[in-house]
Amino acid sequence: MRINLLKPFKKGEIMEKYTNGGKIPVGLGLALEEYNAMDYFFSLSTQAQQQIIDRTHMIQSKNEMLAYVQSLVPQK
């Protein structure tokens, strides 16, 4: 699923599908969407998810976030 940034959507509409109201950083969520990795992320244990989230706090750019998420997703 790709996000069309030009198309307006309700705040939290995309993340709500996966998180049931839980919180993940917006940049991480967008990068997970970019690589179709939401299902992978939410298949991980809560502890593994938190470790990933904790590592995102050092990331300073969109490109860094995309590279980080790409490194997490198993290659097909």
C-alpha atoms as a PDB file:
ATOM      1  CA  MET A   1       0.000   0.000   0.000  1.00  0.00           C
ATOM      2  CA  ARG A   2       1.445   3.343  -1.017  1.00  0.00           C
ATOM      3  CA  ILE A   3       0.439   6.618   0.557  1.00  0.00           C
ATOM      4  CA  ASN A   4      -0.593   9.379  -1.797  1.00  0.00           C
ATOM      5  CA  LEU A   5       0.625  12.464   0.045  1.00  0.00           C
ATOM      6  CA  LEU A   6      -1.484  14.684  -2.195  1.00  0.00           C
ATOM      7  CA  LYS A   7      -4.709  12.949  -1.193  1.00  0.00           C
ATOM      8  CA  PRO A   8      -6.034  14.129   2.156  1.00  0.00           C
ATOM      9  CA  PHE A   9      -6.741  11.467   4.755  1.00  0.00           C
ATOM     10  CA  LYS A  10      -8.012  11.547   8.278  1.00  0.00           C
ATOM     11  CA  LYS A  11      -5.386  11.898  10.970  1.00  0.00           C
ATOM     12  CA  GLY A  12      -4.260   8.438  12.032  1.00  0.00           C
ATOM     13  CA  GLU A  13      -6.362   6.675   9.409  1.00  0.00           C
ATOM     14  CA  ILE A  14      -3.516   4.525   8.073  1.00  0.00           C
ATOM     15  CA  MET A  15      -1.850   3.698  11.388  1.00  0.00           C
ATOM     16  CA  GLU A  16      -5.139   2.942  13.125  1.00  0.00           C
ATOM     17  CA  LYS A  17      -5.590  -0.077  10.869  1.00  0.00           C
ATOM     18  CA  TYR A  18      -2.533  -1.658  12.472  1.00  0.00           C
ATOM     19  CA  THR A  19      -2.072  -0.194  15.921  1.00  0.00           C
ATOM     20  CA  ASN A  20      -5.508  -0.318  17.529  1.00  0.00           C
ATOM     21  CA  GLY A  21      -4.703   3.106  18.922  1.00  0.00           C
ATOM     22  CA  GLY A  22      -1.095   2.292  19.874  1.00  0.00           C
ATOM     23  CA  LYS A  23       1.623   4.833  19.235  1.00  0.00           C
ATOM     24  CA  ILE A  24       4.499   4.575  16.801  1.00  0.00           C
ATOM     25  CA  PRO A  25       6.524   7.523  15.499  1.00  0.00           C
ATOM     26  CA  VAL A  26       4.979   9.026  12.366  1.00  0.00           C
ATOM     27  CA  GLY A  27       8.245   8.842  10.412  1.00  0.00           C
ATOM     28  CA  LEU A  28       8.589   5.159  11.221  1.00  0.00           C
ATOM     29  CA  GLY A  29       4.986   4.503  10.253  1.00  0.00           C
ATOM     30  CA  LEU A  30       5.396   6.262   6.926  1.00  0.00           C
ATOM     31  CA  ALA A  31       8.613   4.370   6.191  1.00  0.00           C
ATOM     32  CA  LEU A  32       6.935   1.069   7.095  1.00  0.00           C
ATOM     33  CA  GLU A  33       4.175   1.932   4.636  1.00  0.00           C
ATOM     34  CA  GLU A  34       6.738   2.847   1.963  1.00  0.00           C
ATOM     35  CA  TYR A  35       8.257  -0.640   2.148  1.00  0.00           C
ATOM     36  CA  ASN A  36       4.982  -2.477   2.795  1.00  0.00           C
ATOM     37  CA  ALA A  37       6.466  -3.525   6.124  1.00  0.00           C
ATOM     38  CA  MET A  38       3.600  -2.817   8.536  1.00  0.00           C
ATOM     39  CA  ASP A  39       2.565  -6.468   8.670  1.00  0.00           C
ATOM     40  CA  TYR A  40       6.165  -7.509   9.328  1.00  0.00           C
ATOM     41  CA  PHE A  41       6.618  -4.912  12.081  1.00  0.00           C
ATOM     42  CA  PHE A  42       3.410  -5.881  13.879  1.00  0.00           C
ATOM     43  CA  SER A  43       4.231  -9.589  13.592  1.00  0.00           C
ATOM     44  CA  LEU A  44       7.231  -8.944  15.866  1.00  0.00           C
ATOM     45  CA  SER A  45       7.066  -9.236  19.634  1.00  0.00           C
ATOM     46  CA  THR A  46       6.226  -6.095  21.582  1.00  0.00           C
ATOM     47  CA  GLN A  47       9.806  -6.036  22.854  1.00  0.00           C
ATOM     48  CA  ALA A  48      11.252  -6.213  19.315  1.00  0.00           C
ATOM     49  CA  GLN A  49       8.885  -3.452  18.173  1.00  0.00           C
ATOM     50  CA  GLN A  50      10.001  -1.248  21.067  1.00  0.00           C
ATOM     51  CA  GLN A  51      13.679  -1.839  20.246  1.00  0.00           C
ATOM     52  CA  ILE A  52      13.033  -0.695  16.675  1.00  0.00           C
ATOM     53  CA  ILE A  53      11.133   2.363  17.903  1.00  0.00           C
ATOM     54  CA  ASP A  54      13.918   3.205  20.370  1.00  0.00           C
ATOM     55  CA  ARG A  55      16.514   3.121  17.581  1.00  0.00           C
ATOM     56  CA  THR A  56      14.481   5.577  15.499  1.00  0.00           C
ATOM     57  CA  HIS A  57      15.098   8.365  18.012  1.00  0.00           C
ATOM     58  CA  MET A  58      18.646   8.782  16.639  1.00  0.00           C
ATOM     59  CA  ILE A  59      17.502   9.044  13.013  1.00  0.00           C
ATOM     60  CA  GLN A  60      17.633  12.580  11.648  1.00  0.00           C
ATOM     61  CA  SER A  61      16.266  12.422   8.103  1.00  0.00           C
ATOM     62  CA  LYS A  62      13.649  10.778   5.940  1.00  0.00           C
ATOM     63  CA  ASN A  63      16.342   9.003   3.918  1.00  0.00           C
ATOM     64  CA  GLU A  64      17.935   7.610   7.081  1.00  0.00           C
ATOM     65  CA  MET A  65      14.536   6.345   8.244  1.00  0.00           C
ATOM     66  CA  LEU A  66      13.819   4.706   4.892  1.00  0.00           C
ATOM     67  CA  ALA A  67      17.242   3.031   4.900  1.00  0.00           C
ATOM     68  CA  TYR A  68      16.719   1.836   8.474  1.00  0.00           C
ATOM     69  CA  VAL A  69      13.319   0.317   7.712  1.00  0.00           C
ATOM     70  CA  GLN A  70      14.633  -1.270   4.525  1.00  0.00           C
ATOM     71  CA  SER A  71      17.393  -2.914   6.580  1.00  0.00           C
ATOM     72  CA  LEU A  72      14.779  -4.427   8.914  1.00  0.00           C
ATOM     73  CA  VAL A  73      12.622  -6.064   6.281  1.00  0.00           C
ATOM     74  CA  PRO A  74      13.650  -9.569   5.213  1.00  0.00           C
ATOM     75  CA  GLN A  75      14.731  -9.580   1.570  1.00  0.00           C
ATOM     76  CA  LYS A  76      12.630 -11.712  -0.743  1.00  0.00           C
END
